[in-house]
């Protein structure tokens, strides 16, 4: 069923897509894109809009996010926040790596890229995330900075320029169909 769904989606996808980057005013050619790529690209790159992709495994959520990063020539980071995953997967960890076992904060890749800018960050499995992790995900989606007290040398973290955070989940709570949908909210 998944292969048939992917084949159906890719059958309708253009072979080549020229994407205009509204930030750098450059054009990028992509060899193959998801059938909803253009609509989702416009939503993701619209200021102050949060985007959530919804669909079952294999429907193209991660592929679209990767294609958007490629079109923008930005870094791409994906973090799954399924139940059991801690907020450290988004922010980082305190580890005894310093002199005489002193604990140091090691930034997670998601936090590094969120801070550096020019990236697309996909936060996956929003519908099954741990509540503490969801709070951090919400901050990364909607705020320009966050405070991390465990990062005692630089507790204030500012969002870099040109960071696009996309949420993804498999269901609306009642189950998903075989098509990837997206929702956006200001």
N, C-alpha and C. Protein backbone atom coordinates (compact mmCIF):
# COMPACT_ATOMS: atom_id res chain seq x y z
N UNK A 1 0.82 -1.19 0.00
CA UNK A 1 0.00 0.00 0.00
C UNK A 1 0.87 1.26 0.00
N UNK A 2 1.95 1.26 0.81
CA UNK A 2 2.81 2.44 0.88
C UNK A 2 3.48 2.68 -0.47
N UNK A 3 4.01 1.60 -1.10
CA UNK A 3 4.66 1.76 -2.40
C UNK A 3 3.67 2.30 -3.42
N UNK A 4 2.43 1.78 -3.41
CA UNK A 4 1.42 2.27 -4.34
C UNK A 4 1.13 3.75 -4.10
N UNK A 5 1.09 4.15 -2.83
CA UNK A 5 0.83 5.56 -2.50
C UNK A 5 1.95 6.46 -2.99
N UNK A 6 3.18 6.03 -2.76
CA UNK A 6 4.34 6.81 -3.21
C UNK A 6 4.35 6.90 -4.72
N UNK A 7 4.12 5.76 -5.39
CA UNK A 7 4.08 5.76 -6.85
C UNK A 7 3.01 6.70 -7.37
N UNK A 8 1.84 6.71 -6.72
CA UNK A 8 0.74 7.58 -7.14
C UNK A 8 1.13 9.06 -6.98
N UNK A 9 1.75 9.39 -5.84
CA UNK A 9 2.17 10.77 -5.60
C UNK A 9 3.24 11.19 -6.59
N UNK A 10 4.25 10.34 -6.81
CA UNK A 10 5.34 10.70 -7.71
C UNK A 10 4.90 10.71 -9.18
N UNK A 11 3.88 9.92 -9.51
CA UNK A 11 3.37 9.90 -10.88
C UNK A 11 2.88 11.29 -11.28
N UNK A 12 2.26 11.99 -10.34
CA UNK A 12 1.74 13.32 -10.62
C UNK A 12 2.77 14.42 -10.39
N UNK A 13 3.94 14.07 -9.90
CA UNK A 13 4.96 15.07 -9.60
C UNK A 13 5.67 15.49 -10.88
N UNK A 14 6.01 16.77 -10.99
CA UNK A 14 6.77 17.20 -12.16
C UNK A 14 8.16 16.57 -12.17
N UNK A 15 8.68 16.34 -13.36
CA UNK A 15 10.01 15.77 -13.47
C UNK A 15 11.04 16.77 -12.98
N UNK A 16 10.87 18.01 -13.36
CA UNK A 16 11.78 19.06 -12.92
C UNK A 16 10.96 20.25 -12.44
N UNK A 17 11.42 20.87 -11.37
CA UNK A 17 10.74 22.04 -10.82
C UNK A 17 11.78 23.14 -10.62
N UNK A 18 11.48 24.31 -11.10
CA UNK A 18 12.33 25.47 -10.84
C UNK A 18 11.71 26.22 -9.67
N UNK A 19 12.49 26.42 -8.61
CA UNK A 19 11.98 27.07 -7.41
C UNK A 19 12.69 28.41 -7.24
N UNK A 20 11.90 29.46 -7.04
CA UNK A 20 12.44 30.79 -6.77
C UNK A 20 12.57 30.95 -5.26
N UNK A 21 13.78 31.21 -4.78
CA UNK A 21 14.03 31.44 -3.36
C UNK A 21 13.73 32.91 -3.07
N UNK A 22 12.65 33.17 -2.30
CA UNK A 22 12.28 34.56 -2.05
C UNK A 22 13.26 35.30 -1.14
N UNK A 23 14.09 34.57 -0.45
CA UNK A 23 15.03 35.20 0.50
C UNK A 23 16.30 35.65 -0.22
N UNK A 24 16.88 34.75 -1.01
CA UNK A 24 18.13 35.08 -1.69
C UNK A 24 17.92 35.55 -3.13
N UNK A 25 16.65 35.50 -3.59
CA UNK A 25 16.32 35.89 -4.96
C UNK A 25 17.09 35.06 -5.99
N UNK A 26 17.27 33.77 -5.69
CA UNK A 26 17.94 32.86 -6.61
C UNK A 26 16.96 31.77 -7.04
N UNK A 27 17.33 31.04 -8.08
CA UNK A 27 16.51 29.93 -8.56
C UNK A 27 17.28 28.63 -8.42
N UNK A 28 16.54 27.57 -8.05
CA UNK A 28 17.12 26.24 -7.92
C UNK A 28 16.26 25.27 -8.69
N UNK A 29 16.91 24.33 -9.38
CA UNK A 29 16.17 23.31 -10.11
C UNK A 29 16.20 22.02 -9.31
N UNK A 30 15.01 21.46 -9.08
CA UNK A 30 14.89 20.17 -8.40
C UNK A 30 14.46 19.14 -9.44
N UNK A 31 15.05 17.96 -9.38
CA UNK A 31 14.75 16.93 -10.37
C UNK A 31 13.35 16.34 -10.22
N UNK A 32 12.91 16.11 -8.99
CA UNK A 32 11.57 15.57 -8.76
C UNK A 32 11.05 16.14 -7.45
N UNK A 33 9.78 16.49 -7.45
CA UNK A 33 9.20 17.05 -6.24
C UNK A 33 7.88 16.35 -5.94
N UNK A 34 7.48 16.44 -4.69
CA UNK A 34 6.19 15.93 -4.25
C UNK A 34 5.09 16.72 -4.95
N UNK A 35 3.94 16.10 -5.17
CA UNK A 35 2.86 16.76 -5.90
C UNK A 35 2.34 18.01 -5.18
N UNK A 36 2.53 18.13 -3.87
CA UNK A 36 2.08 19.31 -3.13
C UNK A 36 3.23 20.25 -2.80
N UNK A 37 4.38 20.05 -3.41
CA UNK A 37 5.58 20.82 -3.07
C UNK A 37 5.36 22.32 -3.17
N UNK A 38 4.88 22.79 -4.31
CA UNK A 38 4.77 24.25 -4.51
C UNK A 38 3.87 24.91 -3.47
N UNK A 39 2.73 24.30 -3.17
CA UNK A 39 1.80 24.85 -2.19
C UNK A 39 2.43 24.89 -0.80
N UNK A 40 3.13 23.82 -0.44
CA UNK A 40 3.74 23.74 0.89
C UNK A 40 4.96 24.66 0.97
N UNK A 41 5.74 24.75 -0.10
CA UNK A 41 6.89 25.66 -0.14
C UNK A 41 6.44 27.09 0.13
N UNK A 42 5.36 27.52 -0.51
CA UNK A 42 4.85 28.88 -0.32
C UNK A 42 4.44 29.10 1.14
N UNK A 43 3.78 28.11 1.73
CA UNK A 43 3.34 28.25 3.13
C UNK A 43 4.53 28.29 4.08
N UNK A 44 5.51 27.40 3.88
CA UNK A 44 6.68 27.33 4.77
C UNK A 44 7.47 28.62 4.73
N UNK A 45 7.63 29.21 3.56
CA UNK A 45 8.46 30.41 3.43
C UNK A 45 7.70 31.70 3.67
N UNK A 46 6.43 31.60 4.01
CA UNK A 46 5.63 32.78 4.35
C UNK A 46 5.95 33.20 5.78
N UNK A 47 6.25 34.48 6.02
CA UNK A 47 6.58 34.92 7.38
C UNK A 47 5.45 34.65 8.37
N UNK A 48 5.84 34.26 9.57
CA UNK A 48 4.91 34.07 10.69
C UNK A 48 3.85 33.00 10.46
N UNK A 49 4.15 31.99 9.65
CA UNK A 49 3.23 30.89 9.42
C UNK A 49 3.91 29.60 9.89
N UNK A 50 3.22 28.85 10.73
CA UNK A 50 3.71 27.54 11.14
C UNK A 50 3.01 26.49 10.28
N UNK A 51 3.75 25.49 9.86
CA UNK A 51 3.23 24.46 8.98
C UNK A 51 3.36 23.10 9.66
N UNK A 52 2.29 22.31 9.56
CA UNK A 52 2.31 20.95 10.07
C UNK A 52 1.86 20.02 8.95
N UNK A 53 2.70 19.05 8.63
CA UNK A 53 2.37 18.06 7.61
C UNK A 53 1.77 16.85 8.29
N UNK A 54 0.68 16.33 7.74
CA UNK A 54 -0.03 15.20 8.34
C UNK A 54 -0.23 14.12 7.29
N UNK A 55 0.16 12.91 7.63
CA UNK A 55 -0.04 11.77 6.73
C UNK A 55 0.68 10.56 7.27
N UNK A 56 0.34 9.38 6.80
CA UNK A 56 0.97 8.16 7.29
C UNK A 56 2.42 8.04 6.84
N UNK A 57 3.13 7.12 7.42
CA UNK A 57 4.51 6.85 7.00
C UNK A 57 4.53 6.60 5.50
N UNK A 58 5.51 7.20 4.84
CA UNK A 58 5.65 7.00 3.40
C UNK A 58 4.86 7.94 2.54
N UNK A 59 4.14 8.90 3.13
CA UNK A 59 3.31 9.80 2.32
C UNK A 59 4.09 11.00 1.78
N UNK A 60 5.33 11.21 2.26
CA UNK A 60 6.17 12.26 1.69
C UNK A 60 6.45 13.45 2.58
N UNK A 61 6.12 13.37 3.86
CA UNK A 61 6.34 14.51 4.76
C UNK A 61 7.81 14.89 4.84
N UNK A 62 8.66 13.92 5.12
CA UNK A 62 10.10 14.19 5.22
C UNK A 62 10.67 14.57 3.86
N UNK A 63 10.21 13.93 2.81
CA UNK A 63 10.70 14.25 1.46
C UNK A 63 10.42 15.69 1.10
N UNK A 64 9.21 16.17 1.40
CA UNK A 64 8.89 17.58 1.10
C UNK A 64 9.80 18.51 1.89
N UNK A 65 10.00 18.23 3.17
CA UNK A 65 10.86 19.08 4.00
C UNK A 65 12.29 19.10 3.45
N UNK A 66 12.81 17.95 3.03
CA UNK A 66 14.15 17.89 2.43
C UNK A 66 14.19 18.68 1.13
N UNK A 67 13.14 18.57 0.32
CA UNK A 67 13.09 19.29 -0.95
C UNK A 67 13.06 20.80 -0.71
N UNK A 68 12.36 21.23 0.33
CA UNK A 68 12.32 22.66 0.65
C UNK A 68 13.71 23.13 1.06
N UNK A 69 14.40 22.37 1.90
CA UNK A 69 15.77 22.73 2.30
C UNK A 69 16.69 22.80 1.08
N UNK A 70 16.56 21.84 0.18
CA UNK A 70 17.40 21.84 -1.02
C UNK A 70 17.08 23.04 -1.91
N UNK A 71 15.80 23.36 -2.05
CA UNK A 71 15.41 24.50 -2.88
C UNK A 71 15.95 25.81 -2.32
N UNK A 72 16.01 25.91 -0.99
CA UNK A 72 16.52 27.12 -0.35
C UNK A 72 18.04 27.09 -0.18
N UNK A 73 18.66 25.94 -0.47
CA UNK A 73 20.09 25.73 -0.24
C UNK A 73 20.43 25.91 1.25
N UNK A 74 19.58 25.34 2.10
CA UNK A 74 19.74 25.40 3.56
C UNK A 74 20.05 24.03 4.11
N UNK A 75 20.57 24.02 5.33
CA UNK A 75 20.78 22.76 6.04
C UNK A 75 19.43 22.15 6.38
N UNK A 76 19.41 20.83 6.52
CA UNK A 76 18.19 20.12 6.88
C UNK A 76 18.45 19.26 8.11
N UNK A 77 17.57 19.39 9.11
CA UNK A 77 17.68 18.59 10.33
C UNK A 77 16.30 18.02 10.62
N UNK A 78 16.24 16.74 10.93
CA UNK A 78 14.99 16.12 11.32
C UNK A 78 15.18 15.50 12.71
N UNK A 79 14.20 15.74 13.59
CA UNK A 79 14.23 15.18 14.94
C UNK A 79 12.88 14.53 15.20
N UNK A 80 12.91 13.27 15.56
CA UNK A 80 11.69 12.57 15.93
C UNK A 80 11.50 12.73 17.44
N UNK A 81 10.31 13.12 17.85
CA UNK A 81 10.07 13.35 19.28
C UNK A 81 9.03 12.37 19.83
N UNK A 82 9.08 11.12 19.38
CA UNK A 82 8.13 10.13 19.87
C UNK A 82 8.23 9.98 21.38
N UNK A 83 7.18 9.41 21.97
CA UNK A 83 7.16 9.20 23.42
C UNK A 83 8.44 8.48 23.83
N UNK A 84 9.01 8.90 24.94
CA UNK A 84 10.25 8.31 25.42
C UNK A 84 11.48 9.11 25.04
N UNK A 85 11.34 10.00 24.09
CA UNK A 85 12.44 10.87 23.69
C UNK A 85 12.39 12.11 24.57
N UNK A 86 13.53 12.52 25.08
CA UNK A 86 13.54 13.69 25.98
C UNK A 86 13.72 14.97 25.19
N UNK A 87 13.46 16.08 25.87
CA UNK A 87 13.66 17.39 25.24
C UNK A 87 15.12 17.62 24.89
N UNK A 88 16.02 16.83 25.47
CA UNK A 88 17.44 16.93 25.13
C UNK A 88 17.71 16.69 23.67
N UNK A 89 16.85 15.91 22.99
CA UNK A 89 17.04 15.67 21.56
C UNK A 89 16.83 16.96 20.75
N UNK A 90 16.15 17.92 21.34
CA UNK A 90 15.98 19.22 20.69
C UNK A 90 16.97 20.25 21.22
N UNK A 91 17.28 20.21 22.51
CA UNK A 91 18.10 21.27 23.11
C UNK A 91 19.53 20.85 23.42
N UNK A 92 19.75 19.63 23.85
CA UNK A 92 21.10 19.17 24.21
C UNK A 92 21.12 18.50 25.57
N UNK A 93 22.33 18.19 26.04
CA UNK A 93 22.48 17.39 27.25
C UNK A 93 23.58 17.96 28.15
N UNK A 94 23.43 17.74 29.44
CA UNK A 94 24.50 18.02 30.40
C UNK A 94 25.30 16.74 30.55
N UNK A 95 26.58 16.80 30.21
CA UNK A 95 27.44 15.62 30.26
C UNK A 95 28.71 15.93 31.05
N UNK A 96 29.25 14.95 31.78
CA UNK A 96 30.47 15.18 32.57
C UNK A 96 31.73 15.14 31.71
N UNK A 97 31.90 16.13 30.87
CA UNK A 97 33.02 16.17 29.93
C UNK A 97 34.08 17.20 30.29
N UNK A 98 33.81 18.01 31.29
CA UNK A 98 34.73 19.07 31.67
C UNK A 98 35.85 18.56 32.58
N UNK A 99 36.69 19.47 32.96
CA UNK A 99 37.80 19.18 33.85
C UNK A 99 37.27 18.60 35.16
N UNK A 100 37.85 17.50 35.60
CA UNK A 100 37.48 16.82 36.84
C UNK A 100 36.00 16.43 36.86
N UNK A 101 35.45 16.07 35.70
CA UNK A 101 34.08 15.61 35.62
C UNK A 101 33.03 16.70 35.66
N UNK A 102 33.46 17.95 35.47
CA UNK A 102 32.50 19.06 35.46
C UNK A 102 31.50 18.84 34.32
N UNK A 103 30.22 19.09 34.61
CA UNK A 103 29.17 18.93 33.61
C UNK A 103 29.16 20.12 32.66
N UNK A 104 29.10 19.81 31.38
CA UNK A 104 29.05 20.82 30.33
C UNK A 104 27.80 20.57 29.48
N UNK A 105 27.21 21.65 29.01
CA UNK A 105 26.05 21.51 28.12
C UNK A 105 26.55 21.30 26.69
N UNK A 106 26.08 20.23 26.07
CA UNK A 106 26.40 19.92 24.68
C UNK A 106 25.13 20.14 23.88
N UNK A 107 25.16 21.10 22.96
CA UNK A 107 23.98 21.43 22.16
C UNK A 107 23.60 20.28 21.23
N UNK A 108 22.32 20.00 21.13
CA UNK A 108 21.80 19.05 20.14
C UNK A 108 21.91 19.69 18.76
N UNK A 109 21.97 18.86 17.73
CA UNK A 109 22.07 19.36 16.35
C UNK A 109 20.91 20.29 16.01
N UNK A 110 19.71 19.96 16.49
CA UNK A 110 18.54 20.80 16.21
C UNK A 110 18.74 22.21 16.78
N UNK A 111 19.22 22.31 18.01
CA UNK A 111 19.45 23.61 18.64
C UNK A 111 20.54 24.38 17.91
N UNK A 112 21.63 23.70 17.54
CA UNK A 112 22.72 24.36 16.81
C UNK A 112 22.19 25.00 15.53
N UNK A 113 21.45 24.23 14.76
CA UNK A 113 20.96 24.75 13.47
C UNK A 113 19.89 25.82 13.66
N UNK A 114 19.04 25.66 14.67
CA UNK A 114 18.01 26.66 14.98
C UNK A 114 18.68 27.99 15.33
N UNK A 115 19.80 27.91 16.00
CA UNK A 115 20.55 29.08 16.43
C UNK A 115 21.36 29.70 15.29
N UNK A 116 21.96 28.86 14.45
CA UNK A 116 22.81 29.34 13.35
C UNK A 116 22.00 29.99 12.23
N UNK A 117 20.83 29.44 11.94
CA UNK A 117 20.01 29.97 10.85
C UNK A 117 20.24 29.25 9.54
N UNK A 118 19.53 29.70 8.51
CA UNK A 118 19.59 29.10 7.19
C UNK A 118 19.39 27.58 7.25
N UNK A 119 18.29 27.18 7.86
CA UNK A 119 18.01 25.75 7.97
C UNK A 119 16.51 25.48 7.94
N UNK A 120 16.20 24.25 7.59
CA UNK A 120 14.85 23.71 7.70
C UNK A 120 14.92 22.63 8.77
N UNK A 121 14.13 22.80 9.82
CA UNK A 121 14.09 21.86 10.94
C UNK A 121 12.74 21.17 10.91
N UNK A 122 12.75 19.85 10.74
CA UNK A 122 11.52 19.06 10.75
C UNK A 122 11.41 18.39 12.11
N UNK A 123 10.35 18.72 12.85
CA UNK A 123 10.08 18.08 14.14
C UNK A 123 8.98 17.05 13.87
N UNK A 124 9.38 15.79 13.88
CA UNK A 124 8.51 14.69 13.47
C UNK A 124 7.84 14.02 14.67
N UNK A 125 6.73 13.38 14.42
CA UNK A 125 5.96 12.61 15.41
C UNK A 125 5.33 13.50 16.47
N UNK A 126 4.86 14.68 16.09
CA UNK A 126 4.22 15.59 17.04
C UNK A 126 3.02 14.96 17.74
N UNK A 127 2.34 14.06 17.06
CA UNK A 127 1.15 13.47 17.64
C UNK A 127 1.45 12.40 18.69
N UNK A 128 2.70 12.04 18.87
CA UNK A 128 3.04 11.04 19.90
C UNK A 128 4.16 11.52 20.82
N UNK A 129 4.40 12.82 20.85
CA UNK A 129 5.50 13.37 21.62
C UNK A 129 5.22 13.46 23.11
N UNK A 130 6.30 13.41 23.88
CA UNK A 130 6.25 13.63 25.32
C UNK A 130 5.87 15.09 25.57
N UNK A 131 5.02 15.37 26.57
CA UNK A 131 4.60 16.76 26.82
C UNK A 131 5.75 17.75 27.01
N UNK A 132 6.81 17.37 27.72
CA UNK A 132 7.94 18.29 27.91
C UNK A 132 8.64 18.58 26.59
N UNK A 133 8.78 17.57 25.76
CA UNK A 133 9.41 17.74 24.46
C UNK A 133 8.53 18.61 23.56
N UNK A 134 7.21 18.43 23.66
CA UNK A 134 6.28 19.25 22.87
C UNK A 134 6.37 20.72 23.25
N UNK A 135 6.62 21.02 24.51
CA UNK A 135 6.77 22.42 24.93
C UNK A 135 7.98 23.06 24.26
N UNK A 136 9.09 22.32 24.19
CA UNK A 136 10.29 22.83 23.51
C UNK A 136 10.02 22.97 22.02
N UNK A 137 9.35 21.97 21.42
CA UNK A 137 9.02 22.03 19.99
C UNK A 137 8.16 23.27 19.71
N UNK A 138 7.19 23.54 20.57
CA UNK A 138 6.35 24.72 20.40
C UNK A 138 7.17 26.00 20.46
N UNK A 139 8.12 26.06 21.38
CA UNK A 139 8.99 27.24 21.48
C UNK A 139 9.79 27.41 20.19
N UNK A 140 10.33 26.31 19.65
CA UNK A 140 11.13 26.39 18.44
C UNK A 140 10.26 26.80 17.24
N UNK A 141 9.00 26.38 17.24
CA UNK A 141 8.09 26.74 16.16
C UNK A 141 7.68 28.21 16.21
N UNK A 142 7.48 28.74 17.42
CA UNK A 142 6.79 30.01 17.51
C UNK A 142 7.57 31.18 18.12
N UNK A 143 8.73 30.94 18.65
CA UNK A 143 9.45 32.01 19.36
C UNK A 143 10.76 32.36 18.66
N UNK A 144 11.30 33.52 19.00
CA UNK A 144 12.59 33.95 18.45
C UNK A 144 13.75 33.69 19.40
N UNK A 145 13.43 33.26 20.63
CA UNK A 145 14.49 32.89 21.56
C UNK A 145 13.92 31.94 22.60
N UNK A 146 14.82 31.27 23.30
CA UNK A 146 14.42 30.43 24.43
C UNK A 146 15.49 30.52 25.51
N UNK A 147 15.10 30.21 26.70
CA UNK A 147 16.00 30.25 27.85
C UNK A 147 16.26 28.82 28.30
N UNK A 148 17.53 28.43 28.33
CA UNK A 148 17.95 27.09 28.76
C UNK A 148 18.86 27.22 29.98
N UNK A 149 18.31 27.11 31.20
CA UNK A 149 19.12 27.30 32.40
C UNK A 149 20.27 26.30 32.53
N UNK A 150 20.12 25.11 31.95
CA UNK A 150 21.20 24.13 32.04
C UNK A 150 22.40 24.51 31.18
N UNK A 151 22.23 25.45 30.30
CA UNK A 151 23.32 25.99 29.50
C UNK A 151 23.79 27.26 30.20
N UNK A 152 24.48 27.07 31.32
CA UNK A 152 24.75 28.17 32.25
C UNK A 152 25.67 29.24 31.71
N UNK A 153 26.52 28.96 30.74
CA UNK A 153 27.40 30.01 30.19
C UNK A 153 26.66 30.93 29.21
N UNK A 154 25.71 30.39 28.48
CA UNK A 154 24.90 31.18 27.55
C UNK A 154 23.46 30.66 27.60
N UNK A 155 22.72 30.97 28.66
CA UNK A 155 21.38 30.41 28.80
C UNK A 155 20.34 30.94 27.81
N UNK A 156 20.55 32.14 27.27
CA UNK A 156 19.60 32.67 26.30
C UNK A 156 20.04 32.25 24.90
N UNK A 157 19.15 31.59 24.20
CA UNK A 157 19.43 31.10 22.85
C UNK A 157 18.52 31.86 21.89
N UNK A 158 19.11 32.50 20.90
CA UNK A 158 18.33 33.26 19.92
C UNK A 158 18.22 32.48 18.61
N UNK A 159 17.05 32.54 18.05
CA UNK A 159 16.78 31.89 16.77
C UNK A 159 17.54 32.62 15.68
N UNK A 160 18.23 31.87 14.83
CA UNK A 160 18.96 32.47 13.72
C UNK A 160 18.03 32.97 12.63
N UNK A 161 18.60 33.65 11.66
CA UNK A 161 17.81 34.14 10.53
C UNK A 161 17.49 32.99 9.59
N UNK A 162 16.34 33.09 8.97
CA UNK A 162 15.94 32.12 7.95
C UNK A 162 15.87 30.69 8.48
N UNK A 163 15.18 30.52 9.59
CA UNK A 163 14.94 29.18 10.14
C UNK A 163 13.48 28.85 9.89
N UNK A 164 13.26 27.73 9.22
CA UNK A 164 11.90 27.27 8.96
C UNK A 164 11.71 25.97 9.72
N UNK A 165 10.78 25.99 10.67
CA UNK A 165 10.49 24.81 11.47
C UNK A 165 9.16 24.25 10.96
N UNK A 166 9.19 22.97 10.63
CA UNK A 166 8.00 22.28 10.12
C UNK A 166 7.66 21.17 11.10
N UNK A 167 6.41 21.08 11.48
CA UNK A 167 5.95 19.97 12.30
C UNK A 167 5.44 18.86 11.39
N UNK A 168 5.49 17.63 11.87
CA UNK A 168 4.95 16.50 11.10
C UNK A 168 4.35 15.50 12.07
N UNK A 169 3.25 14.90 11.63
CA UNK A 169 2.62 13.86 12.44
C UNK A 169 1.84 12.92 11.53
N UNK A 170 1.54 11.74 12.07
CA UNK A 170 0.89 10.72 11.27
C UNK A 170 -0.63 10.78 11.32
N UNK A 171 -1.19 11.39 12.36
CA UNK A 171 -2.65 11.42 12.47
C UNK A 171 -3.13 12.76 12.99
N UNK A 172 -4.40 13.02 12.77
CA UNK A 172 -5.07 14.16 13.38
C UNK A 172 -5.63 13.76 14.75
N UNK A 173 -5.41 12.53 15.14
CA UNK A 173 -5.97 12.01 16.38
C UNK A 173 -7.02 10.95 16.11
N UNK A 174 -7.53 10.93 14.86
CA UNK A 174 -8.53 9.93 14.49
C UNK A 174 -8.04 9.05 13.35
N UNK A 175 -6.78 9.19 12.99
CA UNK A 175 -6.22 8.39 11.90
C UNK A 175 -5.99 9.24 10.67
N UNK A 176 -5.04 8.81 9.86
CA UNK A 176 -4.70 9.54 8.64
C UNK A 176 -5.06 8.70 7.43
N UNK A 177 -5.27 9.36 6.30
CA UNK A 177 -5.48 8.60 5.08
C UNK A 177 -4.14 8.48 4.35
N UNK A 178 -4.14 8.05 3.13
CA UNK A 178 -2.91 7.78 2.41
C UNK A 178 -2.32 9.03 1.73
N UNK A 179 -2.89 10.18 1.98
CA UNK A 179 -2.42 11.42 1.35
C UNK A 179 -1.75 12.31 2.40
N UNK A 180 -0.69 12.96 2.00
CA UNK A 180 -0.03 13.92 2.90
C UNK A 180 -0.79 15.24 2.82
N UNK A 181 -1.22 15.75 3.96
CA UNK A 181 -1.92 17.03 4.05
C UNK A 181 -1.03 18.02 4.78
N UNK A 182 -1.34 19.26 4.68
CA UNK A 182 -0.65 20.22 5.52
C UNK A 182 -1.64 21.22 6.07
N UNK A 183 -1.31 21.71 7.24
CA UNK A 183 -2.11 22.78 7.83
C UNK A 183 -1.14 23.89 8.22
N UNK A 184 -1.64 25.09 8.23
CA UNK A 184 -0.79 26.19 8.64
C UNK A 184 -1.60 27.12 9.54
N UNK A 185 -0.89 27.80 10.39
CA UNK A 185 -1.54 28.75 11.31
C UNK A 185 -0.61 29.91 11.54
N UNK A 186 -1.18 31.08 11.67
CA UNK A 186 -0.38 32.28 11.93
C UNK A 186 -0.18 32.40 13.42
